[in-house]
Structure formats: structure tokens, C-alpha cells
């Protein structure tokens, strides 16, 4: 009944953004590009509450987040990234490097190499990449984070493709006394190597309380603030927080959002999904959808039976995977088409 209801609304409402994926969506390639996404937009900057391109024009990057690297590392490869660019029309990919639970803290070299593989692929393919310190307790891992971001910024800081996300989702900790001081230390490390690429800072309560930054922003150039939501759980009260921050001049980057419940599982609330998509489009926000993995949960874009790294057909995508692929193609195809002219 939910799917039928959504299809009916899609037919009668011209402003509805999300629709059901069509089985006849052609594979759209960009092998003959005369320029790349990164060549088109260049080094990203912050201007007021907006993220802008090299010409000062507001830009909205849309793409996908990979899953935690220690559990979804098989997708941290050039083949997957190329498919996400060419078939899904991703302008950006997020490398979510897991820190605890068998991640970077236990296997730093192994996890670092996964992230570098994704970075190298994104640079080669000319799309943006978010290098994400995917942690819930980063203030407890300050020295490890400084070492990691020093290494990444020293090696890749000259490439405009790079976006640093220095703290994925803090828990219920203070912006003023914990998160801002942590962020300032990491920013100083990055800026010693990379003076201008975009840095995205995590905010309190799972990167939801972005309004707490108002009147206490970090005093540095090209800093944005992360905002996360899961549309089937988070509704107008969270949307209002983000809107309040934007109206106060806070630049936000939706580095992670899902169409599931906050657990990553549960229903897909199509009404809420369309309200959130309107919000993203109305404020021209950049985002990455969670996530490219074949885990048996709603937010996973691939079915558990799908073991392929690329060339996924409709029958190998989950419901959320079909919806987000269709949306990315419809919203980003014109941008990619312009690259071939």
C-alpha cells in the first residue's frame, strides 16, 4: 500500500522529487568527458552559509557514502567508484573509515590503504571525495586523528578533490568545551599542509545539533558543519534546527543521510523522504546518501545476495538503492552531460 500511495502522489504532484526507479533506466556513461566534475567546479569554498565553486557559484554535490571501512571494505576500490560515477552519476563519494571496533585504531595501515585507494580513484575519475574519520568518540582519539589527517593532507592536500570530515558523529558532548577544541586542533594539523580545501566539522548528538554552532563558529576559512538525518525517524523539529543554522549563516554539509529509520533499518517513510528532499534542494545542500553495502538492512543500497563490485542491475538493488540511484541519475545527469560539450 505504501508503494502504491507514493506512485499515485508522484503522478499528481509536479514538485515531488523522489519517484520509484524505472527498470528501463539506461546505463549512462561519461567515458567521453571533455572535463571532469572537479575541473568544472574546482576548489570548493565557503561563502556565508553556502558552499561555492571556483567561480563563486553555489554548488550542490550529490553522491553516495561507502559503509564502515572495516565491514564494507570490499567496495573501497576503483571499480566500484567508477561505476558510481558513470552509472549512478555520483559527483562525490564518501570514504567512511571506521575507527573503533576493528577499524583504524587496531589496523591503521590496512584501513589507511583502503581510504587511499578510494582517494586515488576519485582523483583519477575527477570527482570529489570526503575523507571521513568515522568515529563516535574522536575526542578520545585525538593523537591518532592528528596523525591520520597529517598524513592525508600532506599527500593529497594539493588536490581540489579532497574534503576532510574530521569527526563523523559525536555523541552528547559539548560543542563549546569538547568538539570545538578538538576540531581546532585537527584543523591546525590539516592547514599546515593544505591551506584551503574544505573541512567539515562534526556537531553534537550524531551531527544533528548544528544550531549550537551559532555565535560560536570556528575562526578559520572554508569550514562547514556536518548535519545528519534519517528521514523515516527525523522530522520537522530536526529540519527546523538545520534551517535555523542556515539562516544564521552556518554552512552545513549533509555528509550522511538515509531514507531508513535512524537504526539503518525499518520502513521508508515516503512522505518524510519527499519533505527532506525538498529541504535539500531548496537550500542547495551537498550530500552523501548512506550507503553502498550489501548488508541486510533498509539503508543498504545493495541486496545481501549481491556480491558484485559494480555493474549492478535493478534486481540486485534494494528498495532504497533503486530510489537513490534513480534520483541521482535524474538530478545529476544534466551536470555530467554538460561535461561532454
Protein backbone atom coordinates (compact mmCIF):
# COMPACT_ATOMS: atom_id res chain seq x y z
CA UNK A 1 0.00 0.00 0.00
CA UNK A 2 2.83 2.43 0.82
CA UNK A 3 4.45 1.99 -2.60
CA UNK A 4 1.11 2.40 -4.44
CA UNK A 5 0.32 5.53 -2.44
CA UNK A 6 3.68 7.03 -3.34
CA UNK A 7 3.29 6.29 -7.05
CA UNK A 8 -0.13 7.98 -7.04
CA UNK A 9 1.24 11.10 -5.36
CA UNK A 10 4.17 11.19 -7.79
CA UNK A 11 1.79 11.25 -10.75
CA UNK A 12 -0.36 14.11 -9.47
CA UNK A 13 2.26 16.29 -7.80
CA UNK A 14 4.77 18.06 -10.01
CA UNK A 15 7.01 19.16 -7.13
CA UNK A 16 7.54 15.69 -5.69
CA UNK A 17 11.21 14.85 -6.06
CA UNK A 18 11.59 11.16 -5.26
CA UNK A 19 9.96 8.61 -7.54
CA UNK A 20 10.19 4.86 -7.95
CA UNK A 21 13.09 3.66 -10.06
CA UNK A 22 12.26 2.55 -13.59
CA UNK A 23 13.56 -0.76 -14.91
CA UNK A 24 14.38 0.83 -18.26
CA UNK A 25 16.84 3.39 -16.88
CA UNK A 26 19.71 3.28 -19.38
CA UNK A 27 23.27 2.96 -18.22
CA UNK A 28 24.67 6.42 -18.82
CA UNK A 29 28.40 6.61 -19.31
CA UNK A 30 30.76 9.54 -19.20
CA UNK A 31 33.72 7.98 -20.98
CA UNK A 32 33.96 10.85 -23.47
CA UNK A 33 34.09 13.68 -20.95
CA UNK A 34 35.98 16.74 -22.09
CA UNK A 35 36.28 17.82 -18.46
CA UNK A 36 35.54 16.31 -15.07
CA UNK A 37 33.27 17.35 -12.22
CA UNK A 38 36.26 18.67 -10.28
CA UNK A 39 37.57 20.56 -13.29
CA UNK A 40 34.12 22.10 -13.70
CA UNK A 41 33.73 23.25 -10.08
CA UNK A 42 37.34 23.46 -8.92
CA UNK A 43 38.36 24.07 -5.32
CA UNK A 44 35.32 24.45 -3.10
CA UNK A 45 34.99 27.44 -0.79
CA UNK A 46 32.64 28.64 1.93
CA UNK A 47 30.83 31.90 1.31
CA UNK A 48 28.41 32.75 4.09
CA UNK A 49 26.10 29.77 4.51
CA UNK A 50 26.86 28.48 1.02
CA UNK A 51 29.48 26.15 -0.43
CA UNK A 52 30.60 27.65 -3.73
CA UNK A 53 32.72 26.63 -6.71
CA UNK A 54 35.80 28.27 -8.18
CA UNK A 55 33.63 30.95 -9.77
CA UNK A 56 31.75 31.76 -6.57
CA UNK A 57 28.56 30.00 -7.65
CA UNK A 58 26.62 27.94 -5.10
CA UNK A 59 27.14 24.24 -5.74
CA UNK A 60 25.24 21.13 -4.66
CA UNK A 61 27.21 17.89 -4.78
CA UNK A 62 25.16 14.70 -4.64
CA UNK A 63 26.59 11.23 -4.15
CA UNK A 64 26.95 8.13 -2.01
CA UNK A 65 28.74 7.17 1.17
CA UNK A 66 30.55 3.89 1.44
CA UNK A 67 29.87 1.77 4.53
CA UNK A 68 32.22 1.48 7.54
CA UNK A 69 35.57 0.51 6.02
CA UNK A 70 36.26 -2.39 8.39
CA UNK A 71 32.92 -4.03 7.46
CA UNK A 72 32.40 -2.85 3.89
CA UNK A 73 35.95 -2.58 2.68
CA UNK A 74 35.36 -4.68 -0.43
CA UNK A 75 33.74 -1.63 -2.03
CA UNK A 76 36.79 0.56 -1.38
CA UNK A 77 38.15 0.04 -4.88
CA UNK A 78 38.43 1.84 -8.21
CA UNK A 79 35.90 -0.43 -9.95
CA UNK A 80 33.10 0.48 -7.55
CA UNK A 81 33.94 4.19 -7.60
CA UNK A 82 33.96 4.27 -11.40
CA UNK A 83 30.55 2.57 -11.53
CA UNK A 84 29.15 5.06 -9.04
CA UNK A 85 30.36 7.90 -11.22
CA UNK A 86 29.37 6.51 -14.62
CA UNK A 87 26.12 4.69 -13.85
CA UNK A 88 24.82 6.36 -10.66
CA UNK A 89 26.09 9.82 -11.66
CA UNK A 90 27.78 10.44 -8.31
CA UNK A 91 29.67 13.72 -8.16
CA UNK A 92 31.07 12.80 -4.74
CA UNK A 93 31.88 9.66 -2.74
CA UNK A 94 32.45 9.43 1.00
CA UNK A 95 35.09 7.07 2.38
CA UNK A 96 33.83 6.26 5.88
CA UNK A 97 36.94 4.97 7.61
CA UNK A 98 35.89 3.09 10.74
CA UNK A 99 37.96 3.94 13.80
CA UNK A 100 36.86 1.63 16.63
CA UNK A 101 35.61 -1.98 16.54
CA UNK A 102 38.38 -3.41 14.40
CA UNK A 103 38.98 -0.24 12.40
CA UNK A 104 41.84 2.22 12.21
CA UNK A 105 42.85 2.03 15.88
CA UNK A 106 43.63 -1.67 15.54
CA UNK A 107 44.68 -1.78 11.89
CA UNK A 108 45.92 1.68 10.91
CA UNK A 109 47.94 0.73 7.83
CA UNK A 110 45.22 -1.55 6.46
CA UNK A 111 42.44 1.00 6.85
CA UNK A 112 44.61 3.85 5.59
CA UNK A 113 45.31 1.94 2.37
CA UNK A 114 41.58 1.40 1.78
CA UNK A 115 40.94 5.13 2.07
CA UNK A 116 43.87 5.99 -0.17
CA UNK A 117 42.56 3.59 -2.80
CA UNK A 118 39.27 5.48 -2.84
CA UNK A 119 41.01 8.86 -2.89
CA UNK A 120 43.24 7.82 -5.78
CA UNK A 121 40.22 6.56 -7.73
CA UNK A 122 38.27 9.78 -7.16
CA UNK A 123 41.22 11.90 -8.27
CA UNK A 124 41.65 9.77 -11.38
CA UNK A 125 37.91 9.95 -12.16
CA UNK A 126 37.63 13.66 -11.40
CA UNK A 127 35.02 13.55 -8.64
CA UNK A 128 35.10 14.78 -5.04
CA UNK A 129 35.88 12.55 -2.09
CA UNK A 130 35.06 13.01 1.59
CA UNK A 131 37.75 11.54 3.83
CA UNK A 132 35.69 10.68 6.89
CA UNK A 133 37.06 9.93 10.39
CA UNK A 134 34.09 7.66 11.09
CA UNK A 135 34.11 7.77 14.87
CA UNK A 136 31.74 8.39 17.78
CA UNK A 137 34.49 9.16 20.31
CA UNK A 138 37.07 11.14 18.37
CA UNK A 139 37.91 13.38 21.33
CA UNK A 140 39.36 10.22 22.91
CA UNK A 141 41.46 9.54 19.81
CA UNK A 142 42.91 13.00 19.21
CA UNK A 143 46.51 11.98 18.58
CA UNK A 144 45.51 9.20 16.18
CA UNK A 145 43.27 11.61 14.28
CA UNK A 146 46.04 14.20 14.08
CA UNK A 147 48.45 11.61 12.71
CA UNK A 148 45.93 10.41 10.12
CA UNK A 149 44.94 13.84 8.85
CA UNK A 150 48.55 14.98 8.79
CA UNK A 151 49.35 12.04 6.52
CA UNK A 152 46.36 12.55 4.23
CA UNK A 153 46.72 16.31 3.93
CA UNK A 154 50.46 16.08 3.27
CA UNK A 155 49.95 13.57 0.46
CA UNK A 156 46.73 14.84 -1.10
CA UNK A 157 46.28 18.44 0.05
CA UNK A 158 47.20 19.86 -3.35
CA UNK A 159 44.20 18.15 -4.99
CA UNK A 160 40.90 20.09 -5.01
CA UNK A 161 39.03 16.76 -4.89
CA UNK A 162 39.67 16.35 -1.16
CA UNK A 163 37.14 17.20 1.57
CA UNK A 164 38.08 16.40 5.16
CA UNK A 165 35.36 15.22 7.55
CA UNK A 166 37.19 15.24 10.85
CA UNK A 167 34.54 13.74 13.15
CA UNK A 168 31.63 11.69 11.86
CA UNK A 169 29.06 11.65 14.66
CA UNK A 170 29.89 12.94 18.12
CA UNK A 171 27.57 11.80 20.89
CA UNK A 172 26.01 14.03 23.56
CA UNK A 173 29.11 16.13 24.18
CA UNK A 174 29.57 19.87 24.44
CA UNK A 175 30.25 21.90 21.30
CA UNK A 176 31.98 24.64 23.28
CA UNK A 177 34.24 22.61 25.57
CA UNK A 178 34.83 19.37 23.61
CA UNK A 179 34.03 19.47 19.91
CA UNK A 180 35.26 22.93 19.04
CA UNK A 181 38.67 22.47 20.77
CA UNK A 182 39.10 19.03 19.16
CA UNK A 183 38.21 20.43 15.75
CA UNK A 184 40.58 23.37 16.07
CA UNK A 185 43.49 21.04 16.78
CA UNK A 186 42.74 18.84 13.76
CA UNK A 187 42.19 21.90 11.55
CA UNK A 188 45.58 23.28 12.52
CA UNK A 189 47.23 20.00 11.52
CA UNK A 190 45.48 19.96 8.15
CA UNK A 191 46.12 23.62 7.42
CA UNK A 192 49.85 23.18 7.94
CA UNK A 193 49.78 21.07 4.76
CA UNK A 194 46.63 22.18 2.99
CA UNK A 195 45.68 25.84 3.39
CA UNK A 196 42.33 25.87 1.65
CA UNK A 197 40.46 22.60 0.95
CA UNK A 198 37.06 22.28 2.59
CA UNK A 199 36.94 20.85 6.14
CA UNK A 200 33.66 19.55 7.59
CA UNK A 201 33.32 19.58 11.38
CA UNK A 202 31.09 17.20 13.34
CA UNK A 203 28.35 18.57 15.58
CA UNK A 204 26.77 17.35 18.80
CA UNK A 205 24.28 14.47 19.10
CA UNK A 206 25.08 12.43 15.99
CA UNK A 207 25.83 15.59 13.97
CA UNK A 208 22.29 16.87 14.44
CA UNK A 209 22.67 19.88 16.76
CA UNK A 210 24.20 22.14 14.15
CA UNK A 211 22.32 25.09 15.65
CA UNK A 212 24.67 25.00 18.67
CA UNK A 213 27.39 26.42 16.41
CA UNK A 214 25.51 29.71 16.05
CA UNK A 215 27.55 32.57 17.60
CA UNK A 216 30.49 30.21 18.23
CA UNK A 217 31.84 29.22 14.84
CA UNK A 218 35.43 28.14 14.32
CA UNK A 219 37.60 31.06 13.29
CA UNK A 220 39.09 29.60 10.12
CA UNK A 221 38.44 29.74 6.39
CA UNK A 222 36.47 27.15 4.44
CA UNK A 223 34.90 25.35 7.39
CA UNK A 224 31.47 23.71 7.08
CA UNK A 225 29.49 21.79 9.68
CA UNK A 226 28.07 18.31 9.29
CA UNK A 227 24.37 17.62 9.54
CA UNK A 228 22.95 14.07 9.52
CA UNK A 229 19.40 12.76 9.36
CA UNK A 230 17.43 9.59 8.66
CA UNK A 231 14.19 10.65 7.06
CA UNK A 232 11.93 7.93 8.49
CA UNK A 233 12.87 8.92 12.05
CA UNK A 234 13.82 12.58 11.99
CA UNK A 235 11.09 15.03 11.16
CA UNK A 236 10.29 18.74 11.31
CA UNK A 237 11.95 19.52 14.64
CA UNK A 238 15.35 18.44 13.29
CA UNK A 239 14.73 20.16 9.98
CA UNK A 240 13.99 23.34 11.92
CA UNK A 241 17.39 23.12 13.66
CA UNK A 242 19.17 22.97 10.33
CA UNK A 243 17.10 25.80 8.91
CA UNK A 244 17.84 27.94 11.96
CA UNK A 245 21.57 27.36 11.49
CA UNK A 246 21.48 28.13 7.77
CA UNK A 247 19.52 31.32 8.36
CA UNK A 248 22.16 32.33 10.93
CA UNK A 249 24.88 31.94 8.29
CA UNK A 250 26.15 28.48 9.24
CA UNK A 251 27.34 26.49 6.19
CA UNK A 252 26.19 22.88 6.51
CA UNK A 253 27.16 19.78 4.56
CA UNK A 254 24.92 16.71 4.80
CA UNK A 255 27.76 14.21 4.81
CA UNK A 256 25.37 11.37 5.74
CA UNK A 257 21.66 10.79 5.43
CA UNK A 258 19.45 7.77 4.92
CA UNK A 259 15.87 7.12 3.93
CA UNK A 260 15.51 4.43 6.60
CA UNK A 261 14.93 4.84 10.31
CA UNK A 262 17.89 6.02 12.40
CA UNK A 263 18.87 2.41 13.10
CA UNK A 264 19.61 1.94 9.40
CA UNK A 265 16.65 -0.42 9.22
CA UNK A 266 12.87 -0.15 9.36
CA UNK A 267 10.45 1.48 6.96
CA UNK A 268 10.92 4.02 4.21
CA UNK A 269 8.51 6.85 5.01
CA UNK A 270 7.90 8.29 1.53
CA UNK A 271 6.11 11.42 2.76
CA UNK A 272 9.01 12.32 5.05
CA UNK A 273 11.52 11.42 2.36
CA UNK A 274 9.99 13.90 -0.03
CA UNK A 275 9.87 16.60 2.63
CA UNK A 276 13.57 16.13 3.29
CA UNK A 277 14.43 16.07 -0.41
CA UNK A 278 12.57 19.36 -0.84
CA UNK A 279 14.64 20.75 2.03
CA UNK A 280 17.93 19.61 0.47
CA UNK A 281 17.02 21.11 -2.89
CA UNK A 282 15.57 24.34 -1.52
CA UNK A 283 18.81 25.12 0.31
CA UNK A 284 21.05 23.71 -2.43
CA UNK A 285 22.83 21.44 0.06
CA UNK A 286 25.54 18.94 -0.76
CA UNK A 287 25.07 15.40 0.50
CA UNK A 288 26.04 11.74 0.54
CA UNK A 289 23.44 9.02 1.00
CA UNK A 290 24.11 6.07 3.34
CA UNK A 291 25.28 3.61 1.98
CA UNK A 292 26.96 1.39 -0.59
CA UNK A 293 26.93 -2.04 1.02
CA UNK A 294 25.08 -5.35 0.74
CA UNK A 295 24.17 -5.57 4.41
CA UNK A 296 20.67 -6.85 5.17
CA UNK A 297 19.16 -3.53 6.23
CA UNK A 298 16.96 -0.84 4.73
CA UNK A 299 19.63 1.82 4.24
CA UNK A 300 21.94 -0.54 2.34
CA UNK A 301 21.74 0.16 -1.39
CA UNK A 302 22.56 -3.41 -2.43
CA UNK A 303 20.78 -6.66 -1.68
CA UNK A 304 22.61 -9.15 0.58
CA UNK A 305 22.72 -11.65 -2.30
CA UNK A 306 24.65 -9.19 -4.47
CA UNK A 307 28.38 -9.95 -4.33
CA UNK A 308 29.41 -7.86 -7.35
CA UNK A 309 31.60 -4.76 -7.01
CA UNK A 310 29.93 -2.95 -9.93
CA UNK A 311 27.52 -3.40 -12.86
CA UNK A 312 24.59 -3.90 -10.53
CA UNK A 313 21.25 -4.38 -12.27
CA UNK A 314 17.84 -3.41 -10.88
CA UNK A 315 17.28 -6.83 -9.35
CA UNK A 316 20.48 -6.51 -7.32
CA UNK A 317 19.48 -3.23 -5.66
CA UNK A 318 17.43 -2.80 -2.51
CA UNK A 319 14.35 -0.59 -2.49
CA UNK A 320 16.40 2.31 -1.14
CA UNK A 321 19.14 1.57 -3.68
CA UNK A 322 16.69 1.77 -6.58
CA UNK A 323 15.20 5.02 -5.29
CA UNK A 324 18.52 6.79 -4.68
CA UNK A 325 20.11 5.64 -7.94
CA UNK A 326 17.10 6.89 -9.88
CA UNK A 327 17.21 10.20 -8.04
CA UNK A 328 20.94 10.70 -8.60
CA UNK A 329 20.58 9.99 -12.29
CA UNK A 330 17.69 12.43 -12.67
CA UNK A 331 19.33 15.21 -10.68
CA UNK A 332 22.94 14.84 -11.83
CA UNK A 333 22.71 13.67 -15.46
CA UNK A 334 22.48 17.20 -16.83
CA UNK A 335 25.65 18.14 -14.95
CA UNK A 336 27.52 15.17 -16.39
CA UNK A 337 26.07 15.76 -19.87
CA UNK A 338 27.47 19.30 -19.83
CA UNK A 339 30.96 17.87 -19.33
CA UNK A 340 30.88 16.31 -22.80
CA UNK A 341 30.03 19.53 -24.63
